[in-house]
Amino acid sequence: MERTKKMDAMDMRKTTDRKKIGRKLSTLFGMVLLTSLCWGNVVFATNYVEKFASGIFFENLLWAAIIAVIVVVFISGIKRNYVGVLVALIVGGIVIFFISNPSKIQEIGNVIGGAIFG
């Protein structure tokens, strides 16, 4: 009887060790995969800068902001959090306004800077 308990305990250690090794290997594989994907972004970063300078970035950011606002409003609506819906619409509207008109941010910054620094 005592012999089987020891064997069961050893078998349990083996399975937990295998699970730990499997988790470590899957984490390592994920890190390698993400690193390989990030390397391509580093190499082609100049293309992103050109797109940002030409304004293409803001079109994509605008759609991402619209989708994010819709998702937040939907989730808040499901939870019947009407204050959350209202706040999401107001803050989302302000963010979408500044994304679609980036020159307004510069104008506001110039006014604030002129008021502070004279």
C-alpha atoms as a PDB file:
ATOM      1  CA  MET A   1       0.000   0.000   0.000  1.00  0.00           C
ATOM      2  CA  GLU A   2       2.749   2.389   0.951  1.00  0.00           C
ATOM      3  CA  ARG A   3       4.669   1.526  -2.176  1.00  0.00           C
ATOM      4  CA  THR A   4       1.778   2.516  -4.442  1.00  0.00           C
ATOM      5  CA  LYS A   5       1.390   5.890  -2.704  1.00  0.00           C
ATOM      6  CA  LYS A   6       5.041   6.671  -3.375  1.00  0.00           C
ATOM      7  CA  MET A   7       4.657   5.626  -6.997  1.00  0.00           C
ATOM      8  CA  ASP A   8       1.523   7.744  -7.357  1.00  0.00           C
ATOM      9  CA  ALA A   9       3.360  10.720  -5.898  1.00  0.00           C
ATOM     10  CA  MET A  10       6.219  10.194  -8.359  1.00  0.00           C
ATOM     11  CA  ASP A  11       3.789   9.940 -11.250  1.00  0.00           C
ATOM     12  CA  MET A  12       2.126  13.180 -10.161  1.00  0.00           C
ATOM     13  CA  ARG A  13       5.511  14.927 -10.050  1.00  0.00           C
ATOM     14  CA  LYS A  14       6.271  13.705 -13.553  1.00  0.00           C
ATOM     15  CA  THR A  15       2.999  15.026 -14.930  1.00  0.00           C
ATOM     16  CA  THR A  16       3.390  18.389 -13.199  1.00  0.00           C
ATOM     17  CA  ASP A  17       6.975  18.622 -14.440  1.00  0.00           C
ATOM     18  CA  ARG A  18       5.791  17.869 -17.958  1.00  0.00           C
ATOM     19  CA  LYS A  19       3.126  20.558 -17.678  1.00  0.00           C
ATOM     20  CA  LYS A  20       5.685  23.082 -16.463  1.00  0.00           C
ATOM     21  CA  ILE A  21       8.037  22.230 -19.304  1.00  0.00           C
ATOM     22  CA  GLY A  22       5.173  22.467 -21.786  1.00  0.00           C
ATOM     23  CA  ARG A  23       4.180  25.884 -20.467  1.00  0.00           C
ATOM     24  CA  LYS A  24       7.762  27.121 -20.642  1.00  0.00           C
ATOM     25  CA  LEU A  25       8.164  25.863 -24.197  1.00  0.00           C
ATOM     26  CA  SER A  26       4.903  27.404 -25.339  1.00  0.00           C
ATOM     27  CA  THR A  27       5.881  30.716 -23.723  1.00  0.00           C
ATOM     28  CA  LEU A  28       9.263  30.588 -25.406  1.00  0.00           C
ATOM     29  CA  PHE A  29       7.654  29.784 -28.756  1.00  0.00           C
ATOM     30  CA  GLY A  30       5.237  32.682 -28.350  1.00  0.00           C
ATOM     31  CA  MET A  31       8.058  35.069 -27.526  1.00  0.00           C
ATOM     32  CA  VAL A  32      10.031  33.948 -30.562  1.00  0.00           C
ATOM     33  CA  LEU A  33       6.972  34.366 -32.773  1.00  0.00           C
ATOM     34  CA  LEU A  34       6.206  37.856 -31.452  1.00  0.00           C
ATOM     35  CA  THR A  35       9.847  38.895 -31.761  1.00  0.00           C
ATOM     36  CA  SER A  36       9.952  37.736 -35.364  1.00  0.00           C
ATOM     37  CA  LEU A  37       6.790  39.712 -36.122  1.00  0.00           C
ATOM     38  CA  CYS A  38       8.155  42.835 -34.430  1.00  0.00           C
ATOM     39  CA  TRP A  39      11.399  42.623 -36.374  1.00  0.00           C
ATOM     40  CA  GLY A  40       9.527  43.165 -39.624  1.00  0.00           C
ATOM     41  CA  ASN A  41       7.891  46.260 -38.174  1.00  0.00           C
ATOM     42  CA  VAL A  42      11.269  47.678 -37.175  1.00  0.00           C
ATOM     43  CA  VAL A  43      12.683  47.125 -40.641  1.00  0.00           C
ATOM     44  CA  PHE A  44       9.771  48.845 -42.385  1.00  0.00           C
ATOM     45  CA  ALA A  45       9.355  51.659 -39.839  1.00  0.00           C
ATOM     46  CA  THR A  46      10.306  54.286 -42.410  1.00  0.00           C
ATOM     47  CA  ASN A  47       7.226  53.363 -44.424  1.00  0.00           C
ATOM     48  CA  TYR A  48       5.046  54.037 -41.384  1.00  0.00           C
ATOM     49  CA  VAL A  49       6.662  57.437 -40.878  1.00  0.00           C
ATOM     50  CA  GLU A  50       5.955  58.362 -44.480  1.00  0.00           C
ATOM     51  CA  LYS A  51       2.331  57.278 -44.109  1.00  0.00           C
ATOM     52  CA  PHE A  52       2.039  59.234 -40.851  1.00  0.00           C
ATOM     53  CA  ALA A  53       3.421  62.349 -42.509  1.00  0.00           C
ATOM     54  CA  SER A  54       1.039  62.015 -45.439  1.00  0.00           C
ATOM     55  CA  GLY A  55      -2.003  61.668 -43.164  1.00  0.00           C
ATOM     56  CA  ILE A  56      -2.922  58.079 -43.993  1.00  0.00           C
ATOM     57  CA  PHE A  57      -2.304  57.113 -40.372  1.00  0.00           C
ATOM     58  CA  PHE A  58      -5.064  59.419 -39.144  1.00  0.00           C
ATOM     59  CA  GLU A  59      -7.657  57.812 -41.431  1.00  0.00           C
ATOM     60  CA  ASN A  60      -6.951  54.401 -39.923  1.00  0.00           C
ATOM     61  CA  LEU A  61      -6.807  55.854 -36.425  1.00  0.00           C
ATOM     62  CA  LEU A  62     -10.153  57.547 -37.017  1.00  0.00           C
ATOM     63  CA  TRP A  63     -11.823  54.240 -37.859  1.00  0.00           C
ATOM     64  CA  ALA A  64     -10.168  52.528 -34.892  1.00  0.00           C
ATOM     65  CA  ALA A  65     -11.497  55.276 -32.592  1.00  0.00           C
ATOM     66  CA  ILE A  66     -14.998  55.007 -34.070  1.00  0.00           C
ATOM     67  CA  ILE A  67     -15.033  51.243 -33.586  1.00  0.00           C
ATOM     68  CA  ALA A  68     -13.677  51.611 -30.026  1.00  0.00           C
ATOM     69  CA  VAL A  69     -16.410  54.123 -29.152  1.00  0.00           C
ATOM     70  CA  ILE A  70     -19.092  51.840 -30.605  1.00  0.00           C
ATOM     71  CA  VAL A  71     -17.762  48.854 -28.623  1.00  0.00           C
ATOM     72  CA  VAL A  72     -17.584  50.811 -25.355  1.00  0.00           C
ATOM     73  CA  VAL A  73     -21.090  52.224 -25.878  1.00  0.00           C
ATOM     74  CA  PHE A  74     -22.422  48.750 -26.700  1.00  0.00           C
ATOM     75  CA  ILE A  75     -20.824  47.134 -23.645  1.00  0.00           C
ATOM     76  CA  SER A  76     -21.993  49.952 -21.372  1.00  0.00           C
ATOM     77  CA  GLY A  77     -25.479  49.686 -22.861  1.00  0.00           C
ATOM     78  CA  ILE A  78     -25.628  45.975 -22.179  1.00  0.00           C
ATOM     79  CA  LYS A  79     -24.669  46.627 -18.549  1.00  0.00           C
ATOM     80  CA  ARG A  80     -27.301  49.408 -18.440  1.00  0.00           C
ATOM     81  CA  ASN A  81     -24.614  51.883 -17.472  1.00  0.00           C
ATOM     82  CA  TYR A  82     -26.153  54.955 -19.057  1.00  0.00           C
ATOM     83  CA  VAL A  83     -23.628  57.334 -17.510  1.00  0.00           C
ATOM     84  CA  GLY A  84     -20.875  55.254 -19.102  1.00  0.00           C
ATOM     85  CA  VAL A  85     -22.630  55.499 -22.457  1.00  0.00           C
ATOM     86  CA  LEU A  86     -22.893  59.264 -22.138  1.00  0.00           C
ATOM     87  CA  VAL A  87     -19.252  59.661 -21.068  1.00  0.00           C
ATOM     88  CA  ALA A  88     -18.069  57.357 -23.860  1.00  0.00           C
ATOM     89  CA  LEU A  89     -20.011  59.354 -26.444  1.00  0.00           C
ATOM     90  CA  ILE A  90     -18.697  62.709 -25.200  1.00  0.00           C
ATOM     91  CA  VAL A  91     -15.072  61.645 -24.787  1.00  0.00           C
ATOM     92  CA  GLY A  92     -15.195  59.618 -28.003  1.00  0.00           C
ATOM     93  CA  GLY A  93     -16.616  62.585 -29.883  1.00  0.00           C
ATOM     94  CA  ILE A  94     -13.829  64.838 -28.630  1.00  0.00           C
ATOM     95  CA  VAL A  95     -11.165  62.286 -29.534  1.00  0.00           C
ATOM     96  CA  ILE A  96     -12.660  61.713 -32.992  1.00  0.00           C
ATOM     97  CA  PHE A  97     -12.853  65.500 -33.544  1.00  0.00           C
ATOM     98  CA  PHE A  98      -9.157  65.943 -32.758  1.00  0.00           C
ATOM     99  CA  ILE A  99      -8.166  62.936 -34.861  1.00  0.00           C
ATOM    100  CA  SER A 100     -10.030  64.310 -37.862  1.00  0.00           C
ATOM    101  CA  ASN A 101      -8.685  67.878 -37.265  1.00  0.00           C
ATOM    102  CA  PRO A 102      -5.102  67.536 -35.964  1.00  0.00           C
ATOM    103  CA  SER A 103      -4.351  71.209 -36.673  1.00  0.00           C
ATOM    104  CA  LYS A 104      -6.794  72.187 -33.894  1.00  0.00           C
ATOM    105  CA  ILE A 105      -4.505  70.589 -31.314  1.00  0.00           C
ATOM    106  CA  GLN A 106      -1.644  72.780 -32.510  1.00  0.00           C
ATOM    107  CA  GLU A 107      -3.825  75.906 -32.373  1.00  0.00           C
ATOM    108  CA  ILE A 108      -4.952  75.118 -28.818  1.00  0.00           C
ATOM    109  CA  GLY A 109      -1.340  74.447 -27.798  1.00  0.00           C
ATOM    110  CA  ASN A 110      -0.243  77.785 -29.257  1.00  0.00           C
ATOM    111  CA  VAL A 111      -3.000  79.647 -27.372  1.00  0.00           C
ATOM    112  CA  ILE A 112      -2.139  77.943 -24.084  1.00  0.00           C
ATOM    113  CA  GLY A 113       1.593  78.474 -24.638  1.00  0.00           C
ATOM    114  CA  GLY A 114       1.019  82.140 -25.434  1.00  0.00           C
ATOM    115  CA  ALA A 115      -1.048  82.560 -22.283  1.00  0.00           C
ATOM    116  CA  ILE A 116       1.538  80.882 -20.066  1.00  0.00           C
ATOM    117  CA  PHE A 117       4.771  82.200 -21.571  1.00  0.00           C
ATOM    118  CA  GLY A 118       3.398  85.548 -22.816  1.00  0.00           C
END
